[in-house]
C-alpha cells in the first residue's frame, strides 16, 4: 500500500533540513525516514507525534486530511 506523506517533505524543506538531519533528530536511520517521506512505509504513531511536536503542526495536517490548518486545535 502506498501512503501520501508529501507534507513531511514540504515541512522538512521549509526548515532547510536534509533527510539525514531529520532522521538524526528522530533517532532513526536515513533510509527509514526516506521510506516514510516517499510513502513506501507508514509512519509509526510515535514518529508522527514527534514530527507534529517538532514542526508545531497537527497530525491531520501531516497526514494530509482535509485541513489546511497547520496548527493543532487547542
Protein backbone atom coordinates (compact mmCIF):
# COMPACT_ATOMS: atom_id res chain seq x y z
CA UNK A 1 0.00 0.00 0.00
CA UNK A 2 1.30 3.46 -0.91
CA UNK A 3 0.78 6.33 1.53
CA UNK A 4 0.92 10.06 0.77
CA UNK A 5 3.25 11.93 3.08
CA UNK A 6 4.22 14.85 0.86
CA UNK A 7 3.62 17.31 3.67
CA UNK A 8 6.51 15.96 5.77
CA UNK A 9 8.81 16.62 2.83
CA UNK A 10 7.43 20.14 2.47
CA UNK A 11 7.79 20.83 6.20
CA UNK A 12 11.37 19.48 6.19
CA UNK A 13 12.31 21.58 3.18
CA UNK A 14 10.74 24.68 4.75
CA UNK A 15 13.21 24.24 7.64
CA UNK A 16 16.11 23.65 5.20
CA UNK A 17 16.83 20.23 6.68
CA UNK A 18 18.15 17.19 4.84
CA UNK A 19 16.58 13.77 5.25
CA UNK A 20 19.71 12.71 7.16
CA UNK A 21 19.39 15.63 9.57
CA UNK A 22 15.75 14.91 10.29
CA UNK A 23 16.43 11.20 10.67
CA UNK A 24 19.04 12.07 13.29
CA UNK A 25 16.55 14.32 15.12
CA UNK A 26 14.04 11.44 15.11
CA UNK A 27 16.73 8.95 16.17
CA UNK A 28 16.21 6.73 13.15
CA UNK A 29 18.09 5.72 10.00
CA UNK A 30 18.05 7.96 6.95
CA UNK A 31 16.80 5.05 4.84
CA UNK A 32 13.80 4.58 7.11
CA UNK A 33 12.98 8.28 7.08
CA UNK A 34 13.23 8.30 3.28
CA UNK A 35 10.70 5.44 3.16
CA UNK A 36 8.24 7.44 5.27
CA UNK A 37 8.66 10.57 3.22
CA UNK A 38 8.31 8.75 -0.10
CA UNK A 39 5.27 6.84 1.13
CA UNK A 40 6.89 3.42 0.93
CA UNK A 41 6.22 2.85 4.64
CA UNK A 42 3.55 4.01 7.04
CA UNK A 43 4.71 6.48 9.70
CA UNK A 44 4.53 4.93 13.19
CA UNK A 45 2.38 6.84 15.67
CA UNK A 46 5.32 7.75 17.93
CA UNK A 47 7.15 9.26 14.94
CA UNK A 48 4.01 11.10 13.82
CA UNK A 49 3.73 12.62 17.30
CA UNK A 50 7.41 13.60 17.26
CA UNK A 51 7.02 15.23 13.83
CA UNK A 52 3.93 17.16 14.94
CA UNK A 53 5.71 18.44 18.04
CA UNK A 54 8.88 19.31 16.11
CA UNK A 55 7.03 21.26 13.43
CA UNK A 56 4.23 22.55 15.66
CA UNK A 57 1.53 21.18 13.37
CA UNK A 58 -1.49 18.91 13.73
CA UNK A 59 -1.49 15.22 12.84
CA UNK A 60 -4.37 15.96 10.43
CA UNK A 61 -2.09 18.35 8.57
CA UNK A 62 0.82 15.86 8.37
CA UNK A 63 -1.47 13.07 7.21
CA UNK A 64 -3.00 15.24 4.51
CA UNK A 65 -6.50 15.06 5.93
CA UNK A 66 -8.92 17.74 4.76
CA UNK A 67 -7.40 20.70 6.52
CA UNK A 68 -5.12 23.47 5.52
CA UNK A 69 -4.57 24.47 9.13
CA UNK A 70 -1.04 23.70 10.24
CA UNK A 71 -1.62 24.43 13.91
CA UNK A 72 -3.28 21.86 16.17
CA UNK A 73 -6.58 22.73 17.80
CA UNK A 74 -6.32 24.00 21.35
